Amino acid sequence: MTVIAVDPGRAKCGVAAVSRQRVLARTICDTHDLVRTVEQMLASTAAERVLVGGGTNGRKLAKVLRACEGMPEVVLVDEQFSSLDARKRYFRENPPRGIRRLIPGGMLAPPEPVDDWAAVVLAERWLKECEDSG
């Protein structure tokens, strides 16, 4: 199963296409470009669902996505601690180098936004829940 996950925000959103096996695509877009970004990912991945984090602006954006023609089922998901988990995931995929390796992980700040990684975290959590319950 492939899903597209959205970590919603007021100004920008993280968007990721994730299958059970791997991350297919991820990006950060302006909130006003969300529909176009999701539609592009749908065209390239044929995802079966769109997951939207239920935090900041989530309900509003889910409603906008549901109103789009041809959109698969849009599901609101819990995004508790997704930003913290996204930071951890970022550093797992991009380990610190040089002197930054000596800084404790909890004190490191990613050098770029991690909204896309938060979307990955939302998708992986949801897919794991589906796997565990089914």
N, C-alpha and C. Protein backbone atom coordinates (compact mmCIF):
# COMPACT_ATOMS: atom_id res chain seq x y z
N MET A 1 0.84 -1.18 0.00
CA MET A 1 0.00 0.00 0.00
C MET A 1 0.89 1.24 0.00
N THR A 2 0.47 2.23 -0.74
CA THR A 2 1.17 3.50 -0.80
C THR A 2 0.23 4.60 -0.34
N VAL A 3 0.76 5.51 0.48
CA VAL A 3 -0.02 6.63 0.97
C VAL A 3 0.76 7.92 0.76
N ILE A 4 0.02 9.01 0.72
CA ILE A 4 0.64 10.33 0.73
C ILE A 4 0.28 10.95 2.07
N ALA A 5 1.28 11.45 2.76
CA ALA A 5 1.05 12.07 4.07
C ALA A 5 1.39 13.55 3.99
N VAL A 6 0.62 14.33 4.74
CA VAL A 6 0.81 15.78 4.78
C VAL A 6 1.00 16.20 6.23
N ASP A 7 2.10 16.86 6.50
CA ASP A 7 2.31 17.50 7.80
C ASP A 7 1.92 18.96 7.59
N PRO A 8 0.70 19.34 8.01
CA PRO A 8 0.19 20.66 7.67
C PRO A 8 0.76 21.78 8.54
N GLY A 9 0.83 22.94 7.94
CA GLY A 9 1.25 24.13 8.67
C GLY A 9 0.55 25.34 8.08
N ARG A 10 0.73 26.47 8.70
CA ARG A 10 0.09 27.69 8.19
C ARG A 10 0.78 28.18 6.91
N ALA A 11 2.10 28.19 6.89
CA ALA A 11 2.83 28.73 5.75
C ALA A 11 3.35 27.65 4.81
N LYS A 12 3.74 26.50 5.38
CA LYS A 12 4.30 25.43 4.56
C LYS A 12 3.84 24.07 5.07
N CYS A 13 3.91 23.10 4.18
CA CYS A 13 3.50 21.73 4.52
C CYS A 13 4.58 20.76 4.07
N GLY A 14 4.78 19.74 4.87
CA GLY A 14 5.61 18.63 4.44
C GLY A 14 4.72 17.61 3.77
N VAL A 15 5.17 17.06 2.66
CA VAL A 15 4.39 16.08 1.91
C VAL A 15 5.31 14.92 1.56
N ALA A 16 4.82 13.70 1.76
CA ALA A 16 5.64 12.53 1.45
C ALA A 16 4.77 11.41 0.90
N ALA A 17 5.30 10.70 -0.07
CA ALA A 17 4.68 9.48 -0.58
C ALA A 17 5.49 8.32 -0.02
N VAL A 18 4.80 7.42 0.67
CA VAL A 18 5.49 6.34 1.37
C VAL A 18 4.76 5.02 1.12
N SER A 19 5.53 3.99 0.83
CA SER A 19 4.96 2.64 0.73
C SER A 19 5.42 1.87 1.96
N ARG A 20 4.96 0.66 2.07
CA ARG A 20 5.39 -0.16 3.22
C ARG A 20 6.90 -0.41 3.19
N GLN A 21 7.48 -0.37 2.01
CA GLN A 21 8.90 -0.69 1.88
C GLN A 21 9.82 0.51 1.96
N ARG A 22 9.36 1.68 1.46
CA ARG A 22 10.31 2.80 1.39
C ARG A 22 9.61 4.14 1.18
N VAL A 23 10.40 5.19 1.33
CA VAL A 23 9.94 6.54 1.04
C VAL A 23 10.11 6.76 -0.46
N LEU A 24 9.02 7.06 -1.14
CA LEU A 24 9.06 7.22 -2.60
C LEU A 24 9.39 8.66 -3.00
N ALA A 25 8.87 9.61 -2.24
CA ALA A 25 9.11 11.03 -2.55
C ALA A 25 8.79 11.84 -1.31
N ARG A 26 9.45 12.98 -1.19
CA ARG A 26 9.14 13.90 -0.10
C ARG A 26 9.51 15.31 -0.52
N THR A 27 8.75 16.26 -0.03
CA THR A 27 9.00 17.65 -0.37
C THR A 27 8.35 18.56 0.66
N ILE A 28 8.73 19.81 0.61
CA ILE A 28 8.08 20.85 1.41
C ILE A 28 7.52 21.86 0.43
N CYS A 29 6.25 22.22 0.62
CA CYS A 29 5.62 23.17 -0.29
C CYS A 29 4.92 24.26 0.50
N ASP A 30 4.66 25.37 -0.16
CA ASP A 30 3.84 26.41 0.44
C ASP A 30 2.44 25.85 0.62
N THR A 31 1.77 26.25 1.68
CA THR A 31 0.44 25.72 1.96
C THR A 31 -0.52 25.97 0.79
N HIS A 32 -0.41 27.12 0.15
CA HIS A 32 -1.32 27.39 -0.97
C HIS A 32 -1.03 26.53 -2.20
N ASP A 33 0.10 25.83 -2.23
CA ASP A 33 0.43 24.91 -3.33
C ASP A 33 0.17 23.45 -2.98
N LEU A 34 -0.45 23.21 -1.83
CA LEU A 34 -0.60 21.83 -1.35
C LEU A 34 -1.39 20.95 -2.31
N VAL A 35 -2.52 21.43 -2.79
CA VAL A 35 -3.35 20.60 -3.67
C VAL A 35 -2.56 20.17 -4.91
N ARG A 36 -1.87 21.11 -5.53
CA ARG A 36 -1.08 20.79 -6.72
C ARG A 36 0.03 19.78 -6.39
N THR A 37 0.68 19.96 -5.25
CA THR A 37 1.76 19.05 -4.86
C THR A 37 1.22 17.64 -4.62
N VAL A 38 0.10 17.54 -3.92
CA VAL A 38 -0.51 16.22 -3.66
C VAL A 38 -0.95 15.58 -4.97
N GLU A 39 -1.56 16.36 -5.85
CA GLU A 39 -1.99 15.80 -7.14
C GLU A 39 -0.80 15.30 -7.96
N GLN A 40 0.31 16.00 -7.93
CA GLN A 40 1.50 15.55 -8.65
C GLN A 40 2.02 14.24 -8.06
N MET A 41 2.03 14.15 -6.74
CA MET A 41 2.49 12.90 -6.11
C MET A 41 1.52 11.76 -6.41
N LEU A 42 0.23 12.05 -6.42
CA LEU A 42 -0.75 11.02 -6.75
C LEU A 42 -0.52 10.49 -8.17
N ALA A 43 -0.24 11.39 -9.08
CA ALA A 43 -0.02 11.00 -10.48
C ALA A 43 1.20 10.10 -10.63
N SER A 44 2.20 10.32 -9.81
CA SER A 44 3.44 9.54 -9.95
C SER A 44 3.48 8.31 -9.05
N THR A 45 2.57 8.20 -8.08
CA THR A 45 2.65 7.07 -7.16
C THR A 45 1.39 6.22 -7.09
N ALA A 46 0.27 6.73 -7.54
CA ALA A 46 -1.02 6.03 -7.44
C ALA A 46 -1.32 5.63 -5.99
N ALA A 47 -1.11 6.56 -5.08
CA ALA A 47 -1.37 6.31 -3.65
C ALA A 47 -2.85 6.03 -3.42
N GLU A 48 -3.12 5.23 -2.41
CA GLU A 48 -4.49 4.82 -2.12
C GLU A 48 -5.19 5.72 -1.12
N ARG A 49 -4.42 6.46 -0.33
CA ARG A 49 -5.00 7.36 0.67
C ARG A 49 -4.11 8.58 0.83
N VAL A 50 -4.74 9.64 1.33
CA VAL A 50 -4.00 10.84 1.70
C VAL A 50 -4.21 11.03 3.19
N LEU A 51 -3.12 11.08 3.94
CA LEU A 51 -3.17 11.26 5.38
C LEU A 51 -2.81 12.70 5.69
N VAL A 52 -3.56 13.32 6.57
CA VAL A 52 -3.30 14.71 6.95
C VAL A 52 -3.18 14.77 8.46
N GLY A 53 -2.09 15.33 8.94
CA GLY A 53 -1.91 15.51 10.38
C GLY A 53 -3.00 16.40 10.94
N GLY A 54 -3.51 16.03 12.09
CA GLY A 54 -4.65 16.73 12.67
C GLY A 54 -4.28 17.98 13.46
N GLY A 55 -3.05 18.42 13.39
CA GLY A 55 -2.62 19.60 14.15
C GLY A 55 -2.93 20.89 13.42
N THR A 56 -2.00 21.82 13.47
CA THR A 56 -2.15 23.15 12.90
C THR A 56 -2.70 23.10 11.48
N ASN A 57 -3.86 23.69 11.29
CA ASN A 57 -4.44 23.84 9.96
C ASN A 57 -4.87 22.52 9.31
N GLY A 58 -4.74 21.41 10.02
CA GLY A 58 -5.00 20.10 9.43
C GLY A 58 -6.43 19.88 8.98
N ARG A 59 -7.37 20.23 9.82
CA ARG A 59 -8.79 20.00 9.46
C ARG A 59 -9.18 20.81 8.23
N LYS A 60 -8.72 22.05 8.20
CA LYS A 60 -9.03 22.92 7.06
C LYS A 60 -8.44 22.35 5.77
N LEU A 61 -7.19 21.94 5.82
CA LEU A 61 -6.54 21.41 4.62
C LEU A 61 -7.14 20.07 4.20
N ALA A 62 -7.54 19.25 5.16
CA ALA A 62 -8.19 17.98 4.83
C ALA A 62 -9.50 18.25 4.09
N LYS A 63 -10.23 19.25 4.53
CA LYS A 63 -11.49 19.61 3.88
C LYS A 63 -11.24 20.07 2.44
N VAL A 64 -10.20 20.87 2.25
CA VAL A 64 -9.85 21.34 0.90
C VAL A 64 -9.49 20.15 0.01
N LEU A 65 -8.69 19.23 0.52
CA LEU A 65 -8.29 18.06 -0.27
C LEU A 65 -9.49 17.17 -0.59
N ARG A 66 -10.38 16.98 0.37
CA ARG A 66 -11.57 16.14 0.14
C ARG A 66 -12.45 16.71 -0.98
N ALA A 67 -12.42 18.02 -1.14
CA ALA A 67 -13.26 18.67 -2.16
C ALA A 67 -12.69 18.52 -3.57
N CYS A 68 -11.47 18.04 -3.69
CA CYS A 68 -10.84 17.91 -5.01
C CYS A 68 -11.32 16.65 -5.72
N GLU A 69 -11.64 16.81 -6.98
CA GLU A 69 -12.10 15.69 -7.79
C GLU A 69 -10.97 14.68 -7.99
N GLY A 70 -11.30 13.41 -7.85
CA GLY A 70 -10.32 12.35 -8.08
C GLY A 70 -9.39 12.09 -6.91
N MET A 71 -9.61 12.78 -5.79
CA MET A 71 -8.77 12.60 -4.62
C MET A 71 -9.18 11.30 -3.92
N PRO A 72 -8.21 10.45 -3.56
CA PRO A 72 -8.58 9.26 -2.79
C PRO A 72 -9.04 9.66 -1.39
N GLU A 73 -9.38 8.69 -0.58
CA GLU A 73 -9.85 8.96 0.77
C GLU A 73 -8.82 9.80 1.53
N VAL A 74 -9.30 10.84 2.20
CA VAL A 74 -8.44 11.72 3.02
C VAL A 74 -8.73 11.40 4.48
N VAL A 75 -7.68 11.06 5.22
CA VAL A 75 -7.82 10.63 6.61
C VAL A 75 -7.03 11.56 7.52
N LEU A 76 -7.67 12.07 8.57
CA LEU A 76 -6.95 12.85 9.58
C LEU A 76 -6.24 11.88 10.53
N VAL A 77 -4.98 12.15 10.82
CA VAL A 77 -4.20 11.28 11.71
C VAL A 77 -3.58 12.10 12.84
N ASP A 78 -3.30 11.43 13.93
CA ASP A 78 -2.67 12.06 15.09
C ASP A 78 -1.23 12.39 14.74
N GLU A 79 -0.82 13.62 15.01
CA GLU A 79 0.56 13.98 14.71
C GLU A 79 1.35 14.32 15.97
N GLN A 80 0.91 13.78 17.09
CA GLN A 80 1.61 14.02 18.35
C GLN A 80 3.06 13.56 18.26
N PHE A 81 3.97 14.42 18.63
CA PHE A 81 5.41 14.17 18.65
C PHE A 81 6.02 13.93 17.27
N SER A 82 5.28 14.20 16.20
CA SER A 82 5.83 13.93 14.87
C SER A 82 7.02 14.83 14.55
N SER A 83 7.03 16.05 15.05
CA SER A 83 8.16 16.94 14.78
C SER A 83 9.43 16.43 15.46
N LEU A 84 9.30 15.95 16.68
CA LEU A 84 10.46 15.38 17.37
C LEU A 84 10.96 14.13 16.66
N ASP A 85 10.02 13.28 16.27
CA ASP A 85 10.41 12.06 15.56
C ASP A 85 11.01 12.39 14.20
N ALA A 86 10.54 13.48 13.58
CA ALA A 86 11.09 13.90 12.29
C ALA A 86 12.55 14.33 12.43
N ARG A 87 12.85 15.03 13.50
CA ARG A 87 14.25 15.42 13.74
C ARG A 87 15.14 14.19 13.89
N LYS A 88 14.65 13.21 14.65
CA LYS A 88 15.42 11.98 14.84
C LYS A 88 15.61 11.27 13.50
N ARG A 89 14.54 11.22 12.72
CA ARG A 89 14.61 10.55 11.42
C ARG A 89 15.57 11.28 10.49
N TYR A 90 15.53 12.61 10.52
CA TYR A 90 16.45 13.40 9.70
C TYR A 90 17.90 13.01 10.00
N PHE A 91 18.24 12.96 11.28
CA PHE A 91 19.62 12.67 11.65
C PHE A 91 19.98 11.20 11.43
N ARG A 92 19.00 10.32 11.43
CA ARG A 92 19.28 8.93 11.09
C ARG A 92 19.65 8.82 9.61
N GLU A 93 18.97 9.60 8.78
CA GLU A 93 19.24 9.59 7.34
C GLU A 93 20.42 10.48 6.96
N ASN A 94 20.71 11.48 7.78
CA ASN A 94 21.77 12.45 7.51
C ASN A 94 22.62 12.61 8.77
N PRO A 95 23.44 11.62 9.09
CA PRO A 95 24.21 11.69 10.34
C PRO A 95 25.12 12.92 10.38
N PRO A 96 25.26 13.51 11.57
CA PRO A 96 26.15 14.67 11.70
C PRO A 96 27.58 14.29 11.31
N ARG A 97 28.28 15.25 10.76
CA ARG A 97 29.67 15.03 10.35
C ARG A 97 30.57 16.02 11.07
N GLY A 98 31.82 15.71 11.04
CA GLY A 98 32.80 16.61 11.65
C GLY A 98 32.55 16.79 13.13
N ILE A 99 32.75 18.01 13.58
CA ILE A 99 32.62 18.31 15.01
C ILE A 99 31.18 18.15 15.51
N ARG A 100 30.20 18.24 14.60
CA ARG A 100 28.79 18.08 14.99
C ARG A 100 28.51 16.67 15.52
N ARG A 101 29.38 15.71 15.18
CA ARG A 101 29.20 14.35 15.69
C ARG A 101 29.35 14.30 17.21
N LEU A 102 30.05 15.27 17.77
CA LEU A 102 30.31 15.28 19.21
C LEU A 102 29.18 15.90 20.02
N ILE A 103 28.26 16.56 19.35
CA ILE A 103 27.15 17.22 20.03
C ILE A 103 26.06 16.18 20.32
N PRO A 104 25.55 16.14 21.55
CA PRO A 104 24.47 15.18 21.85
C PRO A 104 23.28 15.39 20.91
N GLY A 105 22.67 14.29 20.51
CA GLY A 105 21.58 14.33 19.54
C GLY A 105 20.45 15.27 19.90
N GLY A 106 20.09 15.33 21.18
CA GLY A 106 19.00 16.19 21.61
C GLY A 106 19.30 17.67 21.48
N MET A 107 20.57 18.01 21.34
CA MET A 107 20.96 19.41 21.23
C MET A 107 21.16 19.85 19.78
N LEU A 108 21.15 18.90 18.86
CA LEU A 108 21.34 19.23 17.45
C LEU A 108 20.06 19.76 16.84
N ALA A 109 20.20 20.75 16.01
CA ALA A 109 19.07 21.26 15.23
C ALA A 109 19.38 21.00 13.76
N PRO A 110 18.44 20.42 13.04
CA PRO A 110 18.68 20.20 11.61
C PRO A 110 18.95 21.52 10.89
N PRO A 111 19.82 21.51 9.90
CA PRO A 111 20.16 22.74 9.19
C PRO A 111 19.09 23.18 8.18
N GLU A 112 18.03 22.43 8.07
CA GLU A 112 16.94 22.74 7.14
C GLU A 112 15.62 22.30 7.76
N PRO A 113 14.50 22.79 7.25
CA PRO A 113 13.20 22.36 7.79
C PRO A 113 13.01 20.85 7.62
N VAL A 114 12.29 20.25 8.55
CA VAL A 114 12.07 18.79 8.50
C VAL A 114 10.59 18.44 8.34
N ASP A 115 9.81 19.37 7.79
CA ASP A 115 8.38 19.11 7.59
C ASP A 115 8.15 17.88 6.71
N ASP A 116 9.00 17.69 5.71
CA ASP A 116 8.86 16.52 4.85
C ASP A 116 9.12 15.23 5.62
N TRP A 117 10.08 15.27 6.53
CA TRP A 117 10.35 14.09 7.35
C TRP A 117 9.20 13.85 8.34
N ALA A 118 8.55 14.91 8.79
CA ALA A 118 7.38 14.74 9.66
C ALA A 118 6.27 14.03 8.90
N ALA A 119 6.11 14.35 7.63
CA ALA A 119 5.11 13.66 6.80
C ALA A 119 5.48 12.18 6.65
N VAL A 120 6.77 11.90 6.49
CA VAL A 120 7.23 10.51 6.41
C VAL A 120 6.86 9.77 7.70
N VAL A 121 7.12 10.41 8.83
CA VAL A 121 6.81 9.80 10.13
C VAL A 121 5.31 9.51 10.24
N LEU A 122 4.47 10.46 9.83
CA LEU A 122 3.02 10.23 9.89
C LEU A 122 2.62 9.02 9.04
N ALA A 123 3.17 8.94 7.85
CA ALA A 123 2.84 7.82 6.95
C ALA A 123 3.31 6.50 7.53
N GLU A 124 4.53 6.46 8.02
CA GLU A 124 5.06 5.20 8.55
C GLU A 124 4.29 4.75 9.79
N ARG A 125 3.91 5.68 10.64
CA ARG A 125 3.09 5.32 11.81
C ARG A 125 1.76 4.71 11.37
N TRP A 126 1.10 5.37 10.41
CA TRP A 126 -0.21 4.90 9.97
C TRP A 126 -0.10 3.53 9.31
N LEU A 127 0.91 3.36 8.47
CA LEU A 127 1.10 2.06 7.82
C LEU A 127 1.39 0.96 8.84
N LYS A 128 2.16 1.30 9.87
CA LYS A 128 2.45 0.31 10.92
C LYS A 128 1.18 -0.04 11.69
N GLU A 129 0.36 0.96 12.00
CA GLU A 129 -0.92 0.69 12.68
C GLU A 129 -1.79 -0.24 11.85
N CYS A 130 -1.84 0.00 10.55
CA CYS A 130 -2.64 -0.85 9.66
C CYS A 130 -2.11 -2.28 9.66
N GLU A 131 -0.79 -2.39 9.63
CA GLU A 131 -0.14 -3.70 9.63
C GLU A 131 -0.42 -4.44 10.94
N ASP A 132 -0.32 -3.71 12.05
CA ASP A 132 -0.54 -4.32 13.37
C ASP A 132 -1.98 -4.74 13.59
N SER A 133 -2.93 -3.97 13.03
CA SER A 133 -4.34 -4.28 13.25
C SER A 133 -4.90 -5.26 12.22
N GLY A 134 -4.16 -5.47 11.16
CA GLY A 134 -4.71 -6.32 10.10
C GLY A 134 -3.89 -7.49 9.88
